[in-house]
Amino acid sequence: MTKKRSQSVEKMPPRKLRTDAARNRERLLEAAKEAFTIAGAEASLEDIARRAEVGAGTLYRHFPTRDALIEAVYHSEVEKLAAAAQNYVEEMAPVEALRAWMLLFVDYIAAKHIIAPALNSVGGGASRLYEGSRGQVLGAIDGLLKRAVKRGEIRREVEAQDLIGALVGLAHFAPGAEWKRSAQRLVELLIAGARVR
């Protein structure tokens, strides 16, 4: 094979998963999230495969290592956040879309608290995963915010980083019975403070 031909082969995009393979992958991610929530990073991979109703071979084809599975669970949650922003744009008025996404982000923070021990076990640490997803999260809220600003509903000086920073600050408090209600109240306060008077 010539060098030119080998370079063109290397640049080909990854093949799209068949429908059944994609469905198996999603089931594995949901089962893994649940298992890591209950048992932490040491959750049984065989148990995860059983919960997803697939064989162990299917699990290892998609996720050859425990770290690969943990990372995929985390990235899947971030991708859902990003996709939700687009869905909210299509379905809701600007401020309502921004509020709904911020409330979803609160759920994401709560889930991250629960699977944090598993994320911390990944090679390179959880901070590497968080760094890689920051752009997606900021991009999602920034689009929603700009839409609300353009409609004249949110003040121009409000920045996506301000809103995310306030919400991420919640992650430093141990989640208890009141944590989620407090986080939801913070979302309402942020929206109220950001609105055009």
N, C-alpha and C. Protein backbone atom coordinates (compact mmCIF):
# COMPACT_ATOMS: atom_id res chain seq x y z
N MET A 1 0.85 -1.18 0.00
CA MET A 1 0.00 0.00 0.00
C MET A 1 0.89 1.24 0.00
N THR A 2 0.58 2.17 -0.86
CA THR A 2 1.41 3.38 -0.93
C THR A 2 1.14 4.24 0.27
N LYS A 3 2.10 5.16 0.55
CA LYS A 3 1.95 6.07 1.68
C LYS A 3 0.70 6.93 1.53
N LYS A 4 0.46 7.41 0.28
CA LYS A 4 -0.69 8.28 0.02
C LYS A 4 -1.99 7.54 0.32
N ARG A 5 -2.07 6.28 -0.15
CA ARG A 5 -3.29 5.50 0.07
C ARG A 5 -3.49 5.21 1.56
N SER A 6 -2.42 4.89 2.28
CA SER A 6 -2.56 4.59 3.70
C SER A 6 -3.01 5.83 4.48
N GLN A 7 -2.57 7.02 4.08
CA GLN A 7 -3.01 8.24 4.75
C GLN A 7 -4.50 8.47 4.54
N SER A 8 -5.00 8.22 3.32
CA SER A 8 -6.41 8.44 3.07
C SER A 8 -7.27 7.45 3.85
N VAL A 9 -6.78 6.22 4.04
CA VAL A 9 -7.51 5.24 4.82
C VAL A 9 -7.58 5.68 6.28
N GLU A 10 -6.47 6.22 6.80
CA GLU A 10 -6.43 6.65 8.20
C GLU A 10 -7.39 7.80 8.47
N LYS A 11 -7.67 8.64 7.48
CA LYS A 11 -8.50 9.83 7.69
C LYS A 11 -9.99 9.55 7.58
N MET A 12 -10.35 8.31 7.23
CA MET A 12 -11.77 7.98 7.09
C MET A 12 -12.47 8.12 8.44
N PRO A 13 -13.69 8.68 8.45
CA PRO A 13 -14.41 8.81 9.73
C PRO A 13 -14.80 7.44 10.26
N PRO A 14 -14.98 7.32 11.58
CA PRO A 14 -15.38 6.03 12.14
C PRO A 14 -16.74 5.61 11.59
N ARG A 15 -16.90 4.31 11.40
CA ARG A 15 -18.18 3.81 10.89
C ARG A 15 -19.28 4.02 11.92
N LYS A 16 -20.47 4.31 11.42
CA LYS A 16 -21.62 4.48 12.29
C LYS A 16 -22.04 3.10 12.79
N LEU A 17 -22.41 3.02 14.08
CA LEU A 17 -22.84 1.75 14.65
C LEU A 17 -24.17 1.33 14.04
N ARG A 18 -24.32 0.02 13.82
CA ARG A 18 -25.61 -0.51 13.40
C ARG A 18 -26.63 -0.21 14.49
N THR A 19 -27.90 -0.23 14.13
CA THR A 19 -28.96 0.12 15.09
C THR A 19 -28.90 -0.76 16.33
N ASP A 20 -28.76 -2.08 16.16
CA ASP A 20 -28.73 -2.97 17.33
C ASP A 20 -27.48 -2.75 18.16
N ALA A 21 -26.34 -2.47 17.52
CA ALA A 21 -25.10 -2.20 18.25
C ALA A 21 -25.22 -0.90 19.03
N ALA A 22 -25.83 0.11 18.42
CA ALA A 22 -26.02 1.40 19.09
C ALA A 22 -26.96 1.23 20.30
N ARG A 23 -27.99 0.42 20.13
CA ARG A 23 -28.94 0.17 21.22
C ARG A 23 -28.23 -0.56 22.37
N ASN A 24 -27.41 -1.55 22.03
CA ASN A 24 -26.65 -2.27 23.06
C ASN A 24 -25.72 -1.33 23.81
N ARG A 25 -25.08 -0.44 23.07
CA ARG A 25 -24.15 0.52 23.69
C ARG A 25 -24.89 1.42 24.68
N GLU A 26 -26.07 1.90 24.29
CA GLU A 26 -26.86 2.76 25.17
C GLU A 26 -27.31 2.02 26.42
N ARG A 27 -27.73 0.76 26.24
CA ARG A 27 -28.15 -0.04 27.40
C ARG A 27 -26.98 -0.27 28.34
N LEU A 28 -25.80 -0.53 27.78
CA LEU A 28 -24.61 -0.71 28.60
C LEU A 28 -24.27 0.55 29.39
N LEU A 29 -24.38 1.71 28.75
CA LEU A 29 -24.07 2.97 29.43
C LEU A 29 -25.04 3.23 30.58
N GLU A 30 -26.33 2.97 30.35
CA GLU A 30 -27.32 3.17 31.41
C GLU A 30 -27.09 2.19 32.57
N ALA A 31 -26.82 0.94 32.23
CA ALA A 31 -26.57 -0.07 33.27
C ALA A 31 -25.30 0.27 34.04
N ALA A 32 -24.28 0.74 33.35
CA ALA A 32 -23.01 1.08 34.01
C ALA A 32 -23.20 2.28 34.93
N LYS A 33 -23.95 3.28 34.48
CA LYS A 33 -24.19 4.45 35.33
C LYS A 33 -24.86 4.02 36.63
N GLU A 34 -25.86 3.17 36.50
CA GLU A 34 -26.57 2.68 37.68
C GLU A 34 -25.64 1.87 38.58
N ALA A 35 -24.83 1.00 37.99
CA ALA A 35 -23.92 0.15 38.77
C ALA A 35 -22.84 0.97 39.46
N PHE A 36 -22.27 1.95 38.76
CA PHE A 36 -21.23 2.78 39.38
C PHE A 36 -21.82 3.64 40.49
N THR A 37 -23.08 4.03 40.35
CA THR A 37 -23.77 4.80 41.39
C THR A 37 -23.90 3.97 42.66
N ILE A 38 -24.22 2.69 42.50
CA ILE A 38 -24.44 1.81 43.66
C ILE A 38 -23.13 1.29 44.24
N ALA A 39 -22.23 0.81 43.37
CA ALA A 39 -21.05 0.08 43.85
C ALA A 39 -19.73 0.81 43.63
N GLY A 40 -19.76 1.97 42.98
CA GLY A 40 -18.50 2.69 42.73
C GLY A 40 -17.72 2.09 41.58
N ALA A 41 -16.45 2.46 41.49
CA ALA A 41 -15.61 2.08 40.36
C ALA A 41 -15.40 0.58 40.25
N GLU A 42 -15.58 -0.13 41.36
CA GLU A 42 -15.33 -1.58 41.35
C GLU A 42 -16.57 -2.39 40.99
N ALA A 43 -17.60 -1.76 40.49
CA ALA A 43 -18.81 -2.49 40.09
C ALA A 43 -18.42 -3.60 39.13
N SER A 44 -19.08 -4.71 39.25
CA SER A 44 -18.78 -5.88 38.41
C SER A 44 -19.17 -5.61 36.95
N LEU A 45 -18.20 -5.79 36.05
CA LEU A 45 -18.50 -5.60 34.63
C LEU A 45 -19.46 -6.67 34.12
N GLU A 46 -19.34 -7.88 34.66
CA GLU A 46 -20.26 -8.95 34.27
C GLU A 46 -21.69 -8.60 34.70
N ASP A 47 -21.81 -8.00 35.90
CA ASP A 47 -23.13 -7.59 36.37
C ASP A 47 -23.70 -6.48 35.47
N ILE A 48 -22.84 -5.58 35.03
CA ILE A 48 -23.28 -4.50 34.13
C ILE A 48 -23.80 -5.11 32.83
N ALA A 49 -23.09 -6.07 32.28
CA ALA A 49 -23.54 -6.74 31.05
C ALA A 49 -24.89 -7.42 31.28
N ARG A 50 -25.04 -8.08 32.43
CA ARG A 50 -26.32 -8.74 32.75
C ARG A 50 -27.46 -7.72 32.83
N ARG A 51 -27.21 -6.59 33.53
CA ARG A 51 -28.23 -5.55 33.66
C ARG A 51 -28.65 -5.02 32.28
N ALA A 52 -27.67 -4.94 31.37
CA ALA A 52 -27.95 -4.42 30.03
C ALA A 52 -28.52 -5.49 29.11
N GLU A 53 -28.59 -6.72 29.61
CA GLU A 53 -29.11 -7.87 28.85
C GLU A 53 -28.30 -8.14 27.60
N VAL A 54 -26.97 -8.06 27.76
CA VAL A 54 -26.04 -8.42 26.68
C VAL A 54 -24.97 -9.33 27.27
N GLY A 55 -24.22 -9.98 26.39
CA GLY A 55 -23.13 -10.83 26.85
C GLY A 55 -21.90 -10.00 27.21
N ALA A 56 -21.01 -10.62 27.99
CA ALA A 56 -19.77 -9.94 28.38
C ALA A 56 -18.95 -9.56 27.14
N GLY A 57 -18.99 -10.41 26.11
CA GLY A 57 -18.25 -10.11 24.87
C GLY A 57 -18.72 -8.81 24.24
N THR A 58 -20.02 -8.56 24.28
CA THR A 58 -20.57 -7.31 23.72
C THR A 58 -20.05 -6.12 24.51
N LEU A 59 -20.03 -6.26 25.84
CA LEU A 59 -19.52 -5.17 26.67
C LEU A 59 -18.07 -4.87 26.29
N TYR A 60 -17.23 -5.90 26.21
CA TYR A 60 -15.81 -5.68 25.93
C TYR A 60 -15.55 -5.21 24.50
N ARG A 61 -16.44 -5.54 23.58
CA ARG A 61 -16.30 -5.01 22.21
C ARG A 61 -16.48 -3.50 22.20
N HIS A 62 -17.45 -3.03 22.96
CA HIS A 62 -17.71 -1.59 23.03
C HIS A 62 -16.72 -0.87 23.94
N PHE A 63 -16.41 -1.50 25.08
CA PHE A 63 -15.57 -0.86 26.10
C PHE A 63 -14.51 -1.86 26.56
N PRO A 64 -13.34 -1.85 25.92
CA PRO A 64 -12.33 -2.87 26.21
C PRO A 64 -11.76 -2.83 27.63
N THR A 65 -11.89 -1.70 28.33
CA THR A 65 -11.38 -1.60 29.70
C THR A 65 -12.42 -0.93 30.59
N ARG A 66 -12.23 -1.12 31.90
CA ARG A 66 -13.11 -0.47 32.88
C ARG A 66 -13.04 1.05 32.72
N ASP A 67 -11.81 1.59 32.55
CA ASP A 67 -11.66 3.04 32.36
C ASP A 67 -12.43 3.54 31.15
N ALA A 68 -12.39 2.76 30.06
CA ALA A 68 -13.10 3.16 28.84
C ALA A 68 -14.60 3.25 29.11
N LEU A 69 -15.12 2.34 29.91
CA LEU A 69 -16.55 2.34 30.22
C LEU A 69 -16.90 3.53 31.12
N ILE A 70 -16.09 3.78 32.14
CA ILE A 70 -16.35 4.91 33.04
C ILE A 70 -16.32 6.22 32.26
N GLU A 71 -15.31 6.38 31.41
CA GLU A 71 -15.21 7.60 30.60
C GLU A 71 -16.41 7.74 29.69
N ALA A 72 -16.85 6.64 29.09
CA ALA A 72 -18.00 6.69 28.17
C ALA A 72 -19.26 7.10 28.91
N VAL A 73 -19.45 6.61 30.14
CA VAL A 73 -20.62 7.01 30.94
C VAL A 73 -20.60 8.51 31.15
N TYR A 74 -19.46 9.04 31.52
CA TYR A 74 -19.34 10.48 31.76
C TYR A 74 -19.61 11.28 30.48
N HIS A 75 -18.97 10.87 29.38
CA HIS A 75 -19.15 11.60 28.12
C HIS A 75 -20.59 11.52 27.62
N SER A 76 -21.25 10.40 27.88
CA SER A 76 -22.64 10.25 27.49
C SER A 76 -23.53 11.27 28.21
N GLU A 77 -23.26 11.48 29.50
CA GLU A 77 -24.03 12.46 30.27
C GLU A 77 -23.82 13.87 29.73
N VAL A 78 -22.57 14.20 29.37
CA VAL A 78 -22.27 15.52 28.83
C VAL A 78 -22.95 15.70 27.47
N GLU A 79 -22.93 14.65 26.64
CA GLU A 79 -23.58 14.74 25.33
C GLU A 79 -25.09 14.93 25.47
N LYS A 80 -25.68 14.30 26.48
CA LYS A 80 -27.12 14.49 26.71
C LYS A 80 -27.42 15.95 27.08
N LEU A 81 -26.54 16.53 27.88
CA LEU A 81 -26.69 17.95 28.23
C LEU A 81 -26.66 18.83 26.99
N ALA A 82 -25.66 18.58 26.13
CA ALA A 82 -25.51 19.38 24.92
C ALA A 82 -26.72 19.19 23.99
N ALA A 83 -27.18 17.96 23.85
CA ALA A 83 -28.33 17.68 22.97
C ALA A 83 -29.60 18.32 23.53
N ALA A 84 -29.73 18.33 24.85
CA ALA A 84 -30.92 18.91 25.47
C ALA A 84 -31.04 20.40 25.14
N ALA A 85 -29.91 21.09 25.08
CA ALA A 85 -29.95 22.52 24.75
C ALA A 85 -30.63 22.74 23.41
N GLN A 86 -30.28 21.93 22.42
CA GLN A 86 -30.87 22.07 21.09
C GLN A 86 -32.36 21.73 21.12
N ASN A 87 -32.72 20.69 21.85
CA ASN A 87 -34.13 20.32 21.96
C ASN A 87 -34.94 21.44 22.61
N TYR A 88 -34.38 22.05 23.65
CA TYR A 88 -35.09 23.12 24.34
C TYR A 88 -35.28 24.34 23.44
N VAL A 89 -34.30 24.62 22.60
CA VAL A 89 -34.43 25.74 21.65
C VAL A 89 -35.62 25.51 20.74
N GLU A 90 -35.80 24.27 20.31
CA GLU A 90 -36.89 23.94 19.39
C GLU A 90 -38.25 23.92 20.07
N GLU A 91 -38.26 23.68 21.39
CA GLU A 91 -39.53 23.45 22.07
C GLU A 91 -40.00 24.58 22.99
N MET A 92 -39.09 25.48 23.41
CA MET A 92 -39.43 26.43 24.47
C MET A 92 -39.05 27.86 24.11
N ALA A 93 -39.68 28.79 24.80
CA ALA A 93 -39.31 30.20 24.71
C ALA A 93 -37.91 30.37 25.31
N PRO A 94 -37.18 31.42 24.93
CA PRO A 94 -35.77 31.56 25.33
C PRO A 94 -35.47 31.44 26.82
N VAL A 95 -36.18 32.21 27.67
CA VAL A 95 -35.88 32.15 29.10
C VAL A 95 -36.26 30.80 29.69
N GLU A 96 -37.38 30.23 29.22
CA GLU A 96 -37.80 28.92 29.71
C GLU A 96 -36.78 27.85 29.31
N ALA A 97 -36.24 27.95 28.10
CA ALA A 97 -35.22 27.00 27.64
C ALA A 97 -33.96 27.11 28.51
N LEU A 98 -33.56 28.33 28.81
CA LEU A 98 -32.38 28.55 29.64
C LEU A 98 -32.61 27.99 31.04
N ARG A 99 -33.77 28.27 31.62
CA ARG A 99 -34.10 27.75 32.95
C ARG A 99 -34.12 26.22 32.95
N ALA A 100 -34.78 25.62 31.97
CA ALA A 100 -34.88 24.16 31.92
C ALA A 100 -33.50 23.52 31.80
N TRP A 101 -32.62 24.12 30.99
CA TRP A 101 -31.28 23.55 30.83
C TRP A 101 -30.48 23.69 32.13
N MET A 102 -30.61 24.82 32.81
CA MET A 102 -29.89 25.00 34.07
C MET A 102 -30.37 24.00 35.13
N LEU A 103 -31.67 23.72 35.14
CA LEU A 103 -32.19 22.70 36.06
C LEU A 103 -31.67 21.31 35.70
N LEU A 104 -31.55 21.04 34.40
CA LEU A 104 -30.96 19.78 33.96
C LEU A 104 -29.50 19.70 34.38
N PHE A 105 -28.80 20.83 34.32
CA PHE A 105 -27.40 20.87 34.74
C PHE A 105 -27.28 20.55 36.23
N VAL A 106 -28.25 20.98 37.02
CA VAL A 106 -28.28 20.64 38.45
C VAL A 106 -28.35 19.12 38.60
N ASP A 107 -29.20 18.46 37.80
CA ASP A 107 -29.30 16.99 37.84
C ASP A 107 -27.97 16.35 37.46
N TYR A 108 -27.31 16.94 36.47
CA TYR A 108 -26.00 16.45 36.01
C TYR A 108 -24.98 16.55 37.15
N ILE A 109 -24.98 17.67 37.87
CA ILE A 109 -24.05 17.84 38.99
C ILE A 109 -24.34 16.78 40.06
N ALA A 110 -25.62 16.55 40.34
CA ALA A 110 -26.00 15.55 41.34
C ALA A 110 -25.51 14.16 40.93
N ALA A 111 -25.67 13.82 39.64
CA ALA A 111 -25.22 12.52 39.15
C ALA A 111 -23.70 12.43 39.21
N LYS A 112 -23.02 13.53 38.93
CA LYS A 112 -21.56 13.54 38.96
C LYS A 112 -21.07 13.31 40.39
N HIS A 113 -21.77 13.86 41.38
CA HIS A 113 -21.43 13.61 42.78
C HIS A 113 -21.46 12.12 43.07
N ILE A 114 -22.50 11.46 42.57
CA ILE A 114 -22.71 10.05 42.88
C ILE A 114 -21.66 9.17 42.23
N ILE A 115 -21.30 9.46 40.97
CA ILE A 115 -20.33 8.59 40.30
C ILE A 115 -18.90 9.13 40.40
N ALA A 116 -18.70 10.18 41.22
CA ALA A 116 -17.36 10.76 41.37
C ALA A 116 -16.30 9.74 41.76
N PRO A 117 -16.57 8.81 42.71
CA PRO A 117 -15.52 7.84 43.04
C PRO A 117 -15.08 7.02 41.83
N ALA A 118 -16.01 6.67 40.96
CA ALA A 118 -15.65 5.93 39.75
C ALA A 118 -14.85 6.82 38.80
N LEU A 119 -15.28 8.07 38.64
CA LEU A 119 -14.56 9.00 37.76
C LEU A 119 -13.13 9.24 38.25
N ASN A 120 -12.96 9.32 39.57
CA ASN A 120 -11.63 9.56 40.14
C ASN A 120 -10.68 8.39 39.93
N SER A 121 -11.23 7.22 39.63
CA SER A 121 -10.37 6.05 39.44
C SER A 121 -9.77 5.98 38.03
N VAL A 122 -10.28 6.80 37.12
CA VAL A 122 -9.82 6.77 35.73
C VAL A 122 -8.39 7.29 35.63
N GLY A 123 -7.58 6.66 34.77
CA GLY A 123 -6.21 7.11 34.56
C GLY A 123 -6.18 8.58 34.16
N GLY A 124 -5.34 9.36 34.82
CA GLY A 124 -5.28 10.79 34.54
C GLY A 124 -6.23 11.59 35.41
N GLY A 125 -7.14 10.90 36.13
CA GLY A 125 -8.04 11.58 37.06
C GLY A 125 -9.25 12.21 36.41
N ALA A 126 -10.21 12.54 37.27
CA ALA A 126 -11.47 13.11 36.81
C ALA A 126 -11.28 14.48 36.19
N SER A 127 -10.28 15.24 36.66
CA SER A 127 -10.11 16.60 36.15
C SER A 127 -9.83 16.59 34.65
N ARG A 128 -9.16 15.54 34.16
CA ARG A 128 -8.92 15.42 32.72
C ARG A 128 -10.24 15.28 31.97
N LEU A 129 -11.17 14.49 32.53
CA LEU A 129 -12.48 14.33 31.89
C LEU A 129 -13.25 15.65 31.92
N TYR A 130 -13.21 16.35 33.05
CA TYR A 130 -13.95 17.60 33.17
C TYR A 130 -13.42 18.65 32.20
N GLU A 131 -12.10 18.71 32.07
CA GLU A 131 -11.49 19.67 31.14
C GLU A 131 -12.00 19.44 29.73
N GLY A 132 -12.04 18.18 29.33
CA GLY A 132 -12.45 17.85 27.97
C GLY A 132 -13.90 18.18 27.67
N SER A 133 -14.74 18.24 28.70
CA SER A 133 -16.17 18.47 28.47
C SER A 133 -16.57 19.93 28.69
N ARG A 134 -15.69 20.72 29.24
CA ARG A 134 -16.03 22.11 29.58
C ARG A 134 -16.55 22.87 28.36
N GLY A 135 -15.90 22.70 27.21
CA GLY A 135 -16.30 23.42 26.00
C GLY A 135 -17.72 23.06 25.57
N GLN A 136 -18.08 21.77 25.66
CA GLN A 136 -19.43 21.35 25.28
C GLN A 136 -20.48 21.98 26.19
N VAL A 137 -20.20 21.98 27.49
CA VAL A 137 -21.15 22.51 28.46
C VAL A 137 -21.31 24.02 28.27
N LEU A 138 -20.18 24.72 28.16
CA LEU A 138 -20.25 26.17 27.96
C LEU A 138 -20.92 26.53 26.64
N GLY A 139 -20.63 25.75 25.60
CA GLY A 139 -21.25 26.00 24.30
C GLY A 139 -22.77 25.87 24.36
N ALA A 140 -23.24 24.86 25.10
CA ALA A 140 -24.68 24.62 25.21
C ALA A 140 -25.38 25.79 25.91
N ILE A 141 -24.86 26.19 27.07
CA ILE A 141 -25.53 27.27 27.81
C ILE A 141 -25.33 28.61 27.10
N ASP A 142 -24.20 28.80 26.45
CA ASP A 142 -23.94 30.06 25.75
C ASP A 142 -24.96 30.28 24.63
N GLY A 143 -25.28 29.23 23.88
CA GLY A 143 -26.28 29.35 22.82
C GLY A 143 -27.64 29.72 23.37
N LEU A 144 -28.03 29.10 24.48
CA LEU A 144 -29.32 29.41 25.10
C LEU A 144 -29.34 30.84 25.63
N LEU A 145 -28.24 31.25 26.25
CA LEU A 145 -28.15 32.59 26.82
C LEU A 145 -28.21 33.65 25.72
N LYS A 146 -27.45 33.46 24.66
CA LYS A 146 -27.44 34.45 23.56
C LYS A 146 -28.82 34.60 22.94
N ARG A 147 -29.54 33.51 22.84
CA ARG A 147 -30.90 33.55 22.29
C ARG A 147 -31.80 34.41 23.18
N ALA A 148 -31.68 34.22 24.50
CA ALA A 148 -32.51 35.00 25.43
C ALA A 148 -32.09 36.47 25.45
N VAL A 149 -30.80 36.75 25.31
CA VAL A 149 -30.31 38.13 25.24
C VAL A 149 -30.83 38.80 23.97
N LYS A 150 -30.74 38.09 22.86
CA LYS A 150 -31.19 38.63 21.57
C LYS A 150 -32.67 38.96 21.60
N ARG A 151 -33.46 38.18 22.33
CA ARG A 151 -34.90 38.41 22.45
C ARG A 151 -35.19 39.55 23.43
N GLY A 152 -34.15 40.07 24.12
CA GLY A 152 -34.34 41.17 25.05
C GLY A 152 -34.85 40.75 26.41
N GLU A 153 -34.70 39.45 26.75
CA GLU A 153 -35.24 38.96 28.01
C GLU A 153 -34.18 38.85 29.10
N ILE A 154 -32.92 38.72 28.70
CA ILE A 154 -31.80 38.61 29.65
C ILE A 154 -30.83 39.76 29.37
N ARG A 155 -30.26 40.31 30.43
CA ARG A 155 -29.35 41.44 30.30
C ARG A 155 -28.10 41.07 29.51
N ARG A 156 -27.60 41.99 28.70
CA ARG A 156 -26.46 41.75 27.81
C ARG A 156 -25.17 41.42 28.56
N GLU A 157 -25.00 41.97 29.76
CA GLU A 157 -23.73 41.77 30.46
C GLU A 157 -23.60 40.39 31.12
N VAL A 158 -24.69 39.62 31.15
CA VAL A 158 -24.64 38.27 31.73
C VAL A 158 -23.87 37.37 30.77
N GLU A 159 -22.94 36.58 31.31
CA GLU A 159 -22.15 35.66 30.50
C GLU A 159 -22.39 34.22 30.94
N ALA A 160 -22.24 33.32 29.99
CA ALA A 160 -22.45 31.90 30.28
C ALA A 160 -21.57 31.44 31.43
N GLN A 161 -20.33 31.90 31.46
CA GLN A 161 -19.39 31.50 32.50
C GLN A 161 -19.88 31.92 33.89
N ASP A 162 -20.59 33.06 33.97
CA ASP A 162 -21.15 33.50 35.25
C ASP A 162 -22.16 32.48 35.77
N LEU A 163 -23.06 32.07 34.89
CA LEU A 163 -24.13 31.15 35.30
C LEU A 163 -23.56 29.78 35.65
N ILE A 164 -22.67 29.26 34.80
CA ILE A 164 -22.07 27.95 35.05
C ILE A 164 -21.23 28.00 36.33
N GLY A 165 -20.47 29.09 36.52
CA GLY A 165 -19.64 29.21 37.71
C GLY A 165 -20.47 29.14 38.99
N ALA A 166 -21.61 29.82 38.98
CA ALA A 166 -22.49 29.79 40.16
C ALA A 166 -23.00 28.37 40.42
N LEU A 167 -23.40 27.68 39.34
CA LEU A 167 -23.93 26.32 39.51
C LEU A 167 -22.85 25.32 39.89
N VAL A 168 -21.67 25.45 39.29
CA VAL A 168 -20.58 24.53 39.60
C VAL A 168 -20.14 24.70 41.05
N GLY A 169 -20.27 25.92 41.57
CA GLY A 169 -19.95 26.15 42.98
C GLY A 169 -20.72 25.23 43.90
N LEU A 170 -21.92 24.83 43.48
CA LEU A 170 -22.74 23.91 44.28
C LEU A 170 -22.08 22.55 44.44
N ALA A 171 -21.24 22.19 43.47
CA ALA A 171 -20.60 20.88 43.49
C ALA A 171 -19.66 20.73 44.69
N HIS A 172 -19.27 21.84 45.30
CA HIS A 172 -18.34 21.78 46.43
C HIS A 172 -19.06 21.53 47.76
N PHE A 173 -20.39 21.48 47.71
CA PHE A 173 -21.16 21.16 48.90
C PHE A 173 -21.64 19.72 48.81
N ALA A 174 -21.52 19.00 49.90
CA ALA A 174 -21.97 17.60 49.90
C ALA A 174 -23.47 17.56 49.68
N PRO A 175 -23.90 16.75 48.71
CA PRO A 175 -25.34 16.69 48.45
C PRO A 175 -26.07 15.99 49.59
N GLY A 176 -27.08 16.64 50.11
CA GLY A 176 -27.92 16.04 51.15
C GLY A 176 -29.36 16.16 50.71
N ALA A 177 -30.26 15.98 51.66
CA ALA A 177 -31.68 16.02 51.34
C ALA A 177 -32.09 17.37 50.77
N GLU A 178 -31.47 18.44 51.24
CA GLU A 178 -31.85 19.78 50.81
C GLU A 178 -31.04 20.29 49.62
N TRP A 179 -30.01 19.55 49.23
CA TRP A 179 -29.08 20.05 48.21
C TRP A 179 -29.79 20.40 46.90
N LYS A 180 -30.61 19.48 46.41
CA LYS A 180 -31.26 19.70 45.12
C LYS A 180 -32.24 20.86 45.18
N ARG A 181 -33.01 20.95 46.25
CA ARG A 181 -33.95 22.07 46.37
C ARG A 181 -33.20 23.40 46.42
N SER A 182 -32.10 23.41 47.13
CA SER A 182 -31.28 24.62 47.22
C SER A 182 -30.74 25.00 45.83
N ALA A 183 -30.29 23.99 45.08
CA ALA A 183 -29.76 24.22 43.74
C ALA A 183 -30.84 24.75 42.82
N GLN A 184 -32.04 24.22 42.93
CA GLN A 184 -33.15 24.70 42.10
C GLN A 184 -33.53 26.14 42.44
N ARG A 185 -33.46 26.48 43.74
CA ARG A 185 -33.73 27.86 44.13
C ARG A 185 -32.66 28.79 43.55
N LEU A 186 -31.40 28.32 43.54
CA LEU A 186 -30.32 29.13 42.98
C LEU A 186 -30.58 29.41 41.50
N VAL A 187 -31.05 28.41 40.76
CA VAL A 187 -31.38 28.62 39.35
C VAL A 187 -32.41 29.73 39.22
N GLU A 188 -33.45 29.69 40.04
CA GLU A 188 -34.49 30.72 39.97
C GLU A 188 -33.94 32.09 40.31
N LEU A 189 -33.05 32.16 41.30
CA LEU A 189 -32.43 33.44 41.67
C LEU A 189 -31.56 33.97 40.54
N LEU A 190 -30.79 33.08 39.90
CA LEU A 190 -29.92 33.49 38.79
C LEU A 190 -30.75 34.02 37.62
N ILE A 191 -31.82 33.31 37.30
CA ILE A 191 -32.68 33.75 36.19
C ILE A 191 -33.32 35.10 36.54
N ALA A 192 -33.82 35.23 37.76
CA ALA A 192 -34.46 36.49 38.16
C ALA A 192 -33.46 37.64 38.12
N GLY A 193 -32.25 37.41 38.60
CA GLY A 193 -31.23 38.45 38.60
C GLY A 193 -30.74 38.83 37.22
N ALA A 194 -30.83 37.89 36.28
CA ALA A 194 -30.32 38.13 34.93
C ALA A 194 -31.36 38.77 34.01
N ARG A 195 -32.61 38.76 34.41
CA ARG A 195 -33.68 39.27 33.53
C ARG A 195 -33.60 40.76 33.36
N VAL A 196 -34.02 41.19 32.18
CA VAL A 196 -34.12 42.63 31.90
C VAL A 196 -35.27 43.17 32.74
N ARG A 197 -35.02 44.29 33.42
CA ARG A 197 -36.04 44.91 34.28
C ARG A 197 -36.94 45.81 33.46
